[in-house]
Protein backbone atom coordinates (compact mmCIF):
# COMPACT_ATOMS: atom_id res chain seq x y z
CA MET A 1 -50.60 -53.25 -23.63
CA SER A 2 -47.19 -54.97 -23.88
CA GLU A 3 -46.25 -57.28 -26.50
CA PRO A 4 -45.75 -60.29 -23.92
CA GLU A 5 -49.40 -59.82 -22.69
CA LEU A 6 -50.52 -59.79 -26.46
CA GLU A 7 -48.54 -63.07 -26.99
CA ARG A 8 -50.10 -64.59 -23.84
CA TYR A 9 -53.51 -63.43 -25.26
CA ARG A 10 -52.84 -64.87 -28.50
CA ALA A 11 -51.79 -68.35 -26.92
CA ASP A 12 -55.11 -68.35 -24.75
CA VAL A 13 -57.14 -67.59 -28.24
CA ARG A 14 -55.33 -70.21 -30.16
CA ALA A 15 -55.85 -72.91 -27.38
CA TRP A 16 -59.51 -72.18 -26.97
CA ALA A 17 -60.26 -72.14 -30.69
CA LYS A 18 -58.82 -75.50 -31.30
CA ASP A 19 -60.63 -76.83 -28.07
CA ASN A 20 -63.75 -75.40 -28.79
CA LEU A 21 -64.50 -74.44 -32.62
CA PRO A 22 -64.83 -76.97 -35.61
CA PRO A 23 -62.58 -76.43 -38.45
CA ARG A 24 -63.51 -74.42 -41.34
CA THR A 25 -64.64 -76.03 -44.35
CA ARG A 26 -66.30 -75.23 -47.58
CA ASP A 27 -69.75 -76.72 -46.56
CA SER A 28 -69.33 -74.39 -43.31
CA MET A 29 -68.66 -71.58 -45.46
CA ARG A 30 -71.71 -72.35 -47.40
CA ARG A 31 -73.95 -72.58 -44.30
CA ARG A 32 -72.61 -69.22 -43.09
CA THR A 33 -74.07 -67.24 -46.14
CA ALA A 34 -77.09 -69.63 -46.92
CA ASP A 35 -80.12 -67.71 -47.59
CA LYS A 36 -82.32 -70.15 -45.64
CA ILE A 37 -81.10 -72.19 -42.64
CA PRO A 38 -82.93 -74.96 -40.62
CA ALA A 39 -84.26 -74.37 -37.36
CA ALA A 40 -82.22 -76.76 -35.80
CA GLN A 41 -78.91 -75.56 -37.19
CA ILE A 42 -80.07 -72.00 -36.26
CA ALA A 43 -80.57 -73.22 -32.56
CA GLU A 44 -77.17 -75.15 -33.07
CA GLY A 45 -75.32 -71.87 -34.05
CA ARG A 46 -76.81 -69.60 -31.35
CA ALA A 47 -75.54 -72.03 -28.80
CA LEU A 48 -72.06 -71.84 -30.42
CA GLN A 49 -72.01 -68.30 -30.57
CA ARG A 50 -73.22 -67.86 -27.02
CA LYS A 51 -70.15 -70.04 -26.12
CA VAL A 52 -67.81 -67.85 -28.02
CA PHE A 53 -69.74 -64.77 -26.29
CA GLU A 54 -69.13 -66.20 -22.74
CA ALA A 55 -65.65 -66.84 -23.35
CA GLY A 56 -64.88 -63.19 -24.18
CA TYR A 57 -64.39 -63.58 -27.93
CA LEU A 58 -67.47 -61.41 -29.10
CA GLY A 59 -67.61 -57.70 -28.38
CA ILE A 60 -63.66 -57.61 -27.56
CA THR A 61 -63.50 -53.85 -28.19
CA LEU A 62 -66.91 -53.14 -26.84
CA PRO A 63 -67.36 -51.60 -23.45
CA VAL A 64 -67.69 -53.93 -20.38
CA GLU A 65 -71.05 -52.43 -19.48
CA TYR A 66 -72.67 -53.56 -22.86
CA GLY A 67 -71.27 -57.02 -22.73
CA GLY A 68 -67.93 -56.50 -24.25
CA GLN A 69 -64.40 -56.81 -22.88
CA GLY A 70 -62.93 -53.47 -23.19
CA LEU A 71 -59.92 -54.60 -24.79
CA THR A 72 -58.22 -52.90 -27.80
CA ALA A 73 -58.22 -53.30 -31.57
CA GLU A 74 -55.01 -55.43 -31.60
CA HIS A 75 -56.65 -57.94 -29.08
CA GLU A 76 -59.58 -58.17 -31.68
CA ARG A 77 -57.08 -58.51 -34.58
CA ILE A 78 -55.40 -61.47 -32.66
CA TRP A 79 -59.01 -63.16 -32.45
CA TYR A 80 -59.77 -62.83 -36.22
CA GLU A 81 -56.11 -64.08 -37.04
CA GLU A 82 -56.23 -67.13 -34.84
CA SER A 83 -59.81 -67.96 -35.59
CA ALA A 84 -59.58 -67.81 -39.19
CA ALA A 85 -59.29 -71.49 -39.53
CA TYR A 86 -62.28 -72.16 -37.68
CA ALA A 87 -66.28 -72.27 -38.33
CA VAL A 88 -66.73 -68.85 -36.37
CA PRO A 89 -70.59 -69.30 -35.66
CA VAL A 90 -72.97 -67.15 -37.43
CA ALA A 91 -75.99 -68.42 -36.21
CA ALA A 92 -78.80 -67.15 -38.43
CA GLY A 93 -76.65 -66.40 -41.46
CA VAL A 94 -76.78 -63.01 -43.14
CA ALA A 95 -78.84 -61.90 -40.25
CA THR A 96 -76.21 -62.51 -37.84
CA MET A 97 -73.99 -60.37 -39.91
CA VAL A 98 -76.50 -57.79 -40.14
CA THR A 99 -76.85 -57.68 -36.65
CA LEU A 100 -73.39 -57.47 -35.50
CA GLY A 101 -71.94 -55.53 -38.36
CA ILE A 102 -74.60 -52.96 -38.99
CA VAL A 103 -77.26 -52.94 -36.22
CA LEU A 104 -75.09 -53.27 -33.09
CA PRO A 105 -72.83 -50.32 -33.95
CA THR A 106 -75.88 -48.30 -34.90
CA VAL A 107 -77.54 -48.89 -31.51
CA LEU A 108 -74.05 -48.28 -29.87
CA ALA A 109 -73.75 -44.69 -31.27
CA HIS A 110 -77.55 -43.70 -31.10
CA GLY A 111 -79.35 -45.75 -28.44
CA SER A 112 -80.24 -44.71 -24.88
CA GLU A 113 -77.96 -46.17 -22.10
CA GLU A 114 -80.87 -48.53 -20.91
CA GLN A 115 -81.19 -49.73 -24.77
CA LYS A 116 -77.44 -50.59 -25.02
CA ARG A 117 -77.25 -52.43 -21.57
CA ASP A 118 -80.19 -54.47 -22.52
CA TRP A 119 -80.01 -55.20 -26.43
CA ILE A 120 -76.59 -55.28 -27.21
CA PRO A 121 -75.20 -58.50 -24.93
CA LYS A 122 -78.35 -60.02 -26.50
CA MET A 123 -77.03 -59.36 -29.97
CA LEU A 124 -73.78 -60.36 -29.06
CA SER A 125 -74.72 -63.76 -27.42
CA GLY A 126 -77.03 -64.53 -30.46
CA GLU A 127 -80.32 -64.45 -28.17
CA GLU A 128 -81.35 -61.78 -30.55
CA THR A 129 -80.91 -61.18 -34.57
CA TRP A 130 -81.91 -58.19 -36.40
CA ALA A 131 -82.87 -57.12 -40.20
CA GLN A 132 -82.83 -53.92 -41.46
CA LEU A 133 -86.26 -52.43 -42.54
CA LEU A 134 -85.25 -49.67 -45.00
CA SER A 135 -86.13 -49.47 -48.57
CA GLU A 136 -89.75 -49.54 -49.68
CA PRO A 137 -91.52 -50.23 -53.05
CA ALA A 138 -91.64 -46.39 -53.30
CA ALA A 139 -88.47 -45.49 -51.66
CA GLY A 140 -85.26 -47.18 -52.64
CA SER A 141 -82.28 -44.62 -53.75
CA ASP A 142 -84.59 -41.87 -52.17
CA LEU A 143 -84.80 -43.34 -48.64
CA ALA A 144 -86.23 -40.29 -47.23
CA GLY A 145 -89.22 -40.44 -49.27
CA LEU A 146 -90.30 -43.66 -47.33
CA ARG A 147 -94.12 -43.92 -46.44
CA THR A 148 -94.17 -46.41 -43.76
CA ARG A 149 -96.17 -44.66 -41.05
CA ALA A 150 -95.95 -44.68 -37.17
CA THR A 151 -98.75 -42.88 -35.48
CA ARG A 152 -98.78 -42.22 -31.78
CA ASP A 153 -101.46 -43.58 -29.71
CA GLY A 154 -100.65 -42.74 -26.01
CA ASP A 155 -97.43 -44.24 -24.77
CA GLN A 156 -97.48 -46.68 -28.01
CA TRP A 157 -96.92 -46.38 -31.58
CA VAL A 158 -98.95 -48.04 -34.33
CA ILE A 159 -96.82 -48.96 -37.37
CA ASN A 160 -98.15 -49.51 -40.97
CA GLY A 161 -96.40 -50.01 -44.44
CA ALA A 162 -94.27 -52.14 -46.44
CA LYS A 163 -90.58 -52.84 -46.66
CA VAL A 164 -88.42 -54.54 -49.16
CA TRP A 165 -85.07 -55.94 -50.02
CA SER A 166 -84.52 -56.82 -46.38
CA SER A 167 -81.51 -59.24 -46.04
CA GLY A 168 -82.05 -62.25 -43.70
CA ALA A 169 -85.41 -61.01 -42.47
CA ASP A 170 -86.82 -64.37 -42.47
CA MET A 171 -84.08 -65.50 -40.23
CA ALA A 172 -84.50 -62.60 -37.70
CA ASP A 173 -86.17 -61.93 -34.48
CA PHE A 174 -86.49 -57.96 -34.63
CA GLY A 175 -86.22 -55.31 -37.51
CA ILE A 176 -84.56 -51.72 -36.99
CA CYS A 177 -87.27 -50.02 -38.93
CA LEU A 178 -87.35 -46.47 -40.19
CA ALA A 179 -90.85 -44.82 -40.22
CA ARG A 180 -92.43 -41.66 -40.62
CA THR A 181 -93.88 -39.81 -37.81
CA ASP A 182 -94.62 -36.52 -39.15
CA TRP A 183 -95.91 -35.50 -42.51
CA GLU A 184 -96.10 -31.95 -42.09
CA VAL A 185 -92.17 -31.33 -42.20
CA PRO A 186 -89.74 -31.91 -45.09
CA LYS A 187 -89.05 -35.54 -45.68
CA HIS A 188 -85.71 -35.47 -43.85
CA ARG A 189 -87.08 -34.18 -40.66
CA GLY A 190 -89.93 -36.37 -39.99
CA LEU A 191 -88.34 -40.02 -39.53
CA THR A 192 -87.98 -42.02 -36.49
CA TRP A 193 -86.22 -45.52 -35.82
CA PHE A 194 -88.08 -48.25 -34.17
CA LYS A 195 -87.03 -51.82 -33.00
CA VAL A 196 -89.99 -53.93 -34.64
CA PRO A 197 -90.73 -57.40 -33.44
CA LEU A 198 -90.64 -59.62 -36.83
CA ASN A 199 -92.48 -62.76 -35.27
CA ASP A 200 -95.39 -60.54 -34.31
CA SER A 201 -98.56 -61.90 -35.85
CA ARG A 202 -99.09 -58.54 -37.81
CA VAL A 203 -96.03 -58.76 -39.57
CA THR A 204 -95.81 -60.81 -42.74
CA VAL A 205 -92.24 -61.54 -44.00
CA ARG A 206 -91.77 -63.11 -47.53
CA PRO A 207 -88.70 -64.43 -49.21
CA ILE A 208 -87.98 -63.11 -52.43
CA LYS A 209 -86.62 -65.39 -55.39
CA GLU A 210 -83.64 -63.87 -57.14
CA ILE A 211 -82.21 -64.58 -60.54
CA ASN A 212 -79.35 -66.52 -59.04
CA GLY A 213 -81.94 -68.93 -57.46
CA SER A 214 -81.46 -67.71 -53.84
CA ALA A 215 -83.57 -65.93 -51.50
CA ALA A 216 -81.71 -63.90 -49.37
CA PHE A 217 -83.66 -60.92 -49.62
CA CYS A 218 -87.27 -60.37 -47.97
CA GLU A 219 -90.30 -58.24 -48.22
CA GLU A 220 -92.15 -56.89 -45.16
CA PHE A 221 -95.89 -55.81 -44.57
CA LEU A 222 -96.50 -54.24 -41.30
CA ASP A 223 -100.20 -53.89 -40.32
CA ASP A 224 -101.18 -52.10 -37.02
CA VAL A 225 -97.76 -53.14 -35.30
CA ILE A 226 -97.76 -51.70 -31.89
CA VAL A 227 -94.54 -50.95 -30.12
CA GLY A 228 -94.02 -48.79 -27.14
CA ASP A 229 -91.93 -45.67 -26.50
CA GLU A 230 -88.98 -47.95 -25.25
CA MET A 231 -88.71 -49.38 -28.85
CA VAL A 232 -87.78 -45.69 -30.14
CA ILE A 233 -84.05 -45.62 -31.17
CA GLY A 234 -83.18 -41.92 -30.67
CA ALA A 235 -85.17 -38.61 -30.78
CA VAL A 236 -88.61 -38.70 -32.49
CA ASN A 237 -88.27 -37.25 -35.72
CA GLY A 238 -84.40 -37.41 -35.26
CA GLY A 239 -84.04 -40.52 -37.68
CA TRP A 240 -81.87 -39.10 -40.73
CA PRO A 241 -78.61 -38.67 -38.79
CA ILE A 242 -78.96 -42.20 -37.42
CA ALA A 243 -79.98 -43.36 -40.97
CA ASN A 244 -76.46 -41.93 -42.20
CA THR A 245 -74.72 -43.84 -39.48
CA LEU A 246 -76.33 -47.35 -40.44
CA LEU A 247 -75.70 -46.67 -43.76
CA ALA A 248 -72.29 -45.87 -43.44
CA TYR A 249 -71.71 -49.36 -41.79
CA GLU A 250 -73.85 -50.88 -44.34
CA ARG A 251 -71.66 -49.45 -47.14
CA ALA A 252 -68.28 -50.62 -45.44
CA GLY A 253 -69.88 -54.17 -45.53
CA GLY A 254 -70.26 -54.28 -41.97
CA SER A 255 -66.54 -54.85 -41.60
CA HIS A 256 -65.97 -51.94 -39.05
CA GLY A 257 -68.24 -53.34 -36.73
CA GLY A 258 -68.49 -57.09 -36.56
CA HIS A 259 -67.07 -57.21 -33.15
CA GLY A 260 -65.65 -60.85 -33.26
CA ILE A 261 -67.52 -62.48 -36.04
CA ILE A 262 -67.01 -60.01 -39.02
CA PRO A 263 -63.14 -58.93 -39.45
CA SER A 264 -62.25 -55.91 -40.69
CA ALA A 265 -61.15 -55.77 -44.25
CA GLU A 266 -57.16 -56.13 -43.63
CA ALA A 267 -57.88 -59.08 -40.72
CA SER A 268 -59.96 -61.12 -43.03
CA ARG A 269 -57.13 -61.24 -45.57
CA GLY A 270 -54.17 -62.19 -43.28
CA PRO A 271 -50.76 -61.08 -44.02
CA GLY A 272 -49.88 -60.87 -47.47
CA MET A 273 -53.29 -62.00 -48.72
CA SER A 274 -53.87 -59.23 -51.20
CA ARG A 275 -50.40 -59.65 -52.77
CA ARG A 276 -51.44 -63.61 -53.71
CA LEU A 277 -53.01 -64.28 -57.23
CA PRO A 278 -56.85 -65.06 -56.96
CA ALA A 279 -56.86 -68.72 -56.32
CA ASP A 280 -60.25 -69.14 -57.71
CA LEU A 281 -59.11 -67.96 -61.07
CA VAL A 282 -55.96 -69.88 -61.10
CA ALA A 283 -57.79 -73.08 -60.40
CA LEU A 284 -60.18 -72.26 -63.12
CA ALA A 285 -56.90 -71.86 -65.71
CA HIS A 286 -55.55 -74.90 -64.38
CA ALA A 287 -58.64 -77.00 -64.95
CA ARG A 288 -58.45 -75.92 -68.48
CA GLY A 289 -54.73 -76.56 -68.99
CA LEU A 290 -54.47 -72.59 -69.66
CA GLU A 291 -52.15 -71.64 -66.99
CA ASN A 292 -49.21 -70.70 -69.26
CA ASP A 293 -51.74 -69.20 -71.72
CA PRO A 294 -50.92 -65.59 -72.38
CA ALA A 295 -54.38 -64.32 -72.74
CA THR A 296 -55.62 -66.37 -69.53
CA ARG A 297 -52.63 -64.91 -67.62
CA GLN A 298 -53.52 -61.36 -68.89
CA LEU A 299 -57.27 -61.92 -67.32
CA ILE A 300 -56.09 -63.24 -64.17
CA ALA A 301 -53.40 -60.46 -63.92
CA ARG A 302 -56.09 -57.85 -64.37
CA ALA A 303 -58.30 -59.43 -61.95
CA HIS A 304 -55.40 -59.56 -59.18
CA ILE A 305 -54.65 -55.86 -59.76
CA ASN A 306 -58.33 -54.96 -59.06
CA ASP A 307 -58.54 -57.15 -55.97
CA TYR A 308 -55.28 -55.61 -54.58
CA MET A 309 -56.34 -52.00 -55.29
CA GLN A 310 -59.64 -52.70 -53.53
CA ALA A 311 -57.79 -54.36 -50.81
CA GLN A 312 -55.62 -51.27 -50.44
CA LEU A 313 -58.73 -49.01 -50.43
CA ALA A 314 -60.53 -51.09 -47.98
CA ASP A 315 -57.60 -50.61 -45.54
CA ARG A 316 -57.71 -46.93 -45.88
CA VAL A 317 -61.21 -46.75 -45.26
CA THR A 318 -60.93 -49.03 -42.45
CA GLN A 319 -57.89 -46.82 -40.73
CA LEU A 320 -60.04 -43.64 -41.19
CA ALA A 321 -63.09 -45.22 -39.80
CA ARG A 322 -61.14 -46.38 -36.80
CA SER A 323 -59.65 -42.86 -36.22
CA GLY A 324 -63.09 -41.58 -35.38
CA LYS A 325 -62.25 -38.40 -37.41
CA ALA A 326 -63.28 -39.42 -40.82
CA ASN A 327 -66.33 -38.03 -42.76
CA PRO A 328 -69.04 -41.04 -42.55
CA ALA A 329 -69.39 -40.35 -46.33
CA VAL A 330 -65.92 -42.13 -47.06
CA ALA A 331 -67.67 -45.35 -46.90
CA SER A 332 -69.15 -44.60 -50.07
CA LEU A 333 -65.55 -44.80 -51.40
CA LEU A 334 -65.44 -48.61 -50.33
CA LYS A 335 -68.98 -49.15 -51.62
CA LEU A 336 -68.54 -47.61 -54.89
CA GLY A 337 -65.24 -49.73 -55.26
CA ILE A 338 -66.85 -53.00 -54.43
CA GLY A 339 -69.73 -52.13 -56.96
CA GLU A 340 -67.27 -51.58 -59.87
CA VAL A 341 -65.09 -54.41 -59.03
CA GLN A 342 -67.37 -57.08 -58.52
CA PRO A 343 -69.19 -57.06 -61.84
CA HIS A 344 -65.84 -56.82 -63.83
CA ARG A 345 -64.42 -59.72 -61.59
CA ALA A 346 -67.38 -61.82 -62.33
CA GLN A 347 -67.01 -61.38 -65.96
CA LEU A 348 -63.49 -62.15 -66.04
CA ALA A 349 -63.94 -65.45 -64.18
CA MET A 350 -66.78 -66.12 -67.06
CA GLU A 351 -63.93 -65.64 -69.53
CA VAL A 352 -61.29 -67.67 -67.71
CA ALA A 353 -63.97 -70.75 -67.09
CA GLY A 354 -65.12 -70.92 -70.91
CA ARG A 355 -67.54 -73.51 -71.25
CA ALA A 356 -67.22 -74.70 -67.79
CA GLY A 357 -68.77 -71.48 -66.65
CA ILE A 358 -72.05 -72.32 -68.28
CA ALA A 359 -72.24 -76.23 -68.19
CA TRP A 360 -71.09 -78.40 -65.59
CA ASP A 361 -71.41 -81.93 -64.11
CA ALA A 362 -74.52 -82.03 -61.69
CA ASP A 363 -72.64 -84.19 -59.22
CA ASP A 364 -70.19 -81.37 -58.80
CA GLU A 365 -71.72 -78.73 -56.42
CA ASN A 366 -69.00 -76.26 -56.44
CA ALA A 367 -68.73 -76.03 -60.41
CA GLY A 368 -71.51 -73.82 -60.76
CA ALA A 369 -69.88 -71.14 -58.29
CA THR A 370 -68.57 -69.12 -61.43
CA ALA A 371 -71.91 -68.70 -62.93
CA LEU A 372 -73.65 -67.87 -59.59
CA ASN A 373 -71.08 -65.35 -58.92
CA TYR A 374 -71.79 -63.76 -62.55
CA LEU A 375 -75.73 -63.81 -61.76
CA SER A 376 -74.66 -61.93 -58.34
CA GLY A 377 -72.26 -59.95 -59.77
CA ARG A 378 -74.06 -56.62 -59.66
CA VAL A 379 -75.62 -57.03 -56.34
CA MET A 380 -73.14 -54.43 -54.58
CA SER A 381 -73.77 -52.20 -57.51
CA ILE A 382 -77.35 -51.85 -56.69
CA GLY A 383 -77.79 -52.88 -52.94
CA GLY A 384 -77.22 -50.55 -50.11
CA GLY A 385 -77.33 -47.48 -52.70
CA SER A 386 -76.53 -47.81 -56.38
CA ASP A 387 -73.21 -46.88 -57.92
CA GLN A 388 -74.91 -43.70 -58.88
CA ILE A 389 -75.73 -42.79 -55.46
CA GLN A 390 -72.28 -43.50 -54.17
CA ARG A 391 -70.95 -41.02 -56.64
CA ASN A 392 -73.50 -38.15 -55.58
CA ILE A 393 -72.35 -38.94 -52.06
CA ILE A 394 -68.86 -38.79 -52.58
CA ALA A 395 -69.28 -35.66 -54.94
CA GLU A 396 -71.34 -33.68 -52.52
CA ARG A 397 -70.13 -34.99 -49.00
CA LEU A 398 -66.44 -35.60 -49.84
CA LEU A 399 -65.39 -33.10 -52.68
CA GLY A 400 -67.82 -30.54 -51.63
CA LEU A 401 -69.46 -29.95 -55.31
CA PRO A 402 -72.57 -28.32 -55.52
CA ARG A 403 -75.72 -30.65 -54.49
CA GLU A 404 -78.14 -31.76 -57.17
CA PRO A 405 -81.08 -29.78 -57.84
CA SER A 406 -84.06 -30.55 -55.43
CA PHE A 407 -87.52 -29.54 -55.61
CA ASP A 408 -88.94 -31.32 -52.42
CA THR A 409 -86.09 -30.63 -49.85
CA ASP A 410 -87.81 -27.96 -47.83
CA LYS A 411 -91.57 -28.68 -48.52
CA PRO A 412 -93.62 -30.56 -46.12
CA PHE A 413 -93.87 -34.08 -47.14
CA ARG A 414 -97.38 -34.18 -47.07
CA GLU A 415 -97.63 -31.54 -49.64
CA VAL A 416 -94.93 -33.20 -51.96
CA LEU A 417 -97.04 -36.22 -52.13
CA GLN A 418 -100.33 -34.22 -52.97
CA ASN A 419 -97.99 -32.46 -55.98
CA ALA A 420 -96.83 -35.73 -57.20
CA LYS A 421 -100.57 -36.96 -57.61
CA GLN A 422 -101.21 -33.95 -60.04
CA TRP A 423 -97.81 -35.12 -62.14
CA ARG A 424 -99.65 -38.17 -63.25
């Protein structure tokens, strides 16, 4: 597409955003990531999300037959840049981000033609929001060891089991659920994906209170939940390759599949953003009158270097992902980088803040951000696969190093469980 055509598109986006979107404020960003959003606010957000979708600014690069616009990555970049100053709707908070950044591109890659034509427009418009039903009490890092059971009953499936650490499940309509459908084959070969309604009376969703006071994660109990064959995503017993696709999007933070709400790493920063000093740390230093203190300046410089290097890594991973030629395991490079940088950065912020990081005026609702970030600093070191798991993936799938010894890779999963009982 020619430069004049792109500039006309930019002018249209700029005018539409100005006329239809509210300005972005600190309060709107808090609502975007809140762990519990009031029902009225969700309804308001869905209406605005549908408005953005109907205007053609959600699913910009997706095929037209799936509700997209069939345009280029440059069009999408223009949208991100021009909408950056506005409160782009995230109707159900983190559940919307999971839906568009992780579930949608997974369905796009592995869903049937009928599923893609039916489900994707509903995700884009905000009609449906999804959560991931992955980890279980006995299957976290070893996801293939999950025990949620799906049993065929005619042309239906009956699902029983428990899931945990599902972001935004209490605000989602459906879950993309991985369940075991064959116990007589090795653990990676007997798994199948299902679309599960979370408002079903046989599904119990419970938020989990975290150390930072929020409840962004949930646990789910599925008791004889019935779904039809039309809710099976991909092939029966062929769920593990799909899991690798989904986890690649998750480990990249959903940034490569946002389709209008979640910008890629470089678009979210804007031109030159990664070269600027960290504004939050500069503000903390200024509040204490330490902006010229050598030790404080060294802390800020260290954080800036880490921010910049992580931004460069994100750019490279994004470009590789867009090329379509990259090993999906490259997402683990980005995930590991975030898992390493975030705890360190949270610690640096506490050092810059000093006493203000542990005690503040109760009327200042923003003053506790440094402490909350510190308490939440290890989320990305654990969630979506721990740092140790990412190192294994990088070593084995990218560097070609020998795989870790495994005693259960080729054994039927039922036999593995029976043997495990004898070890106790």
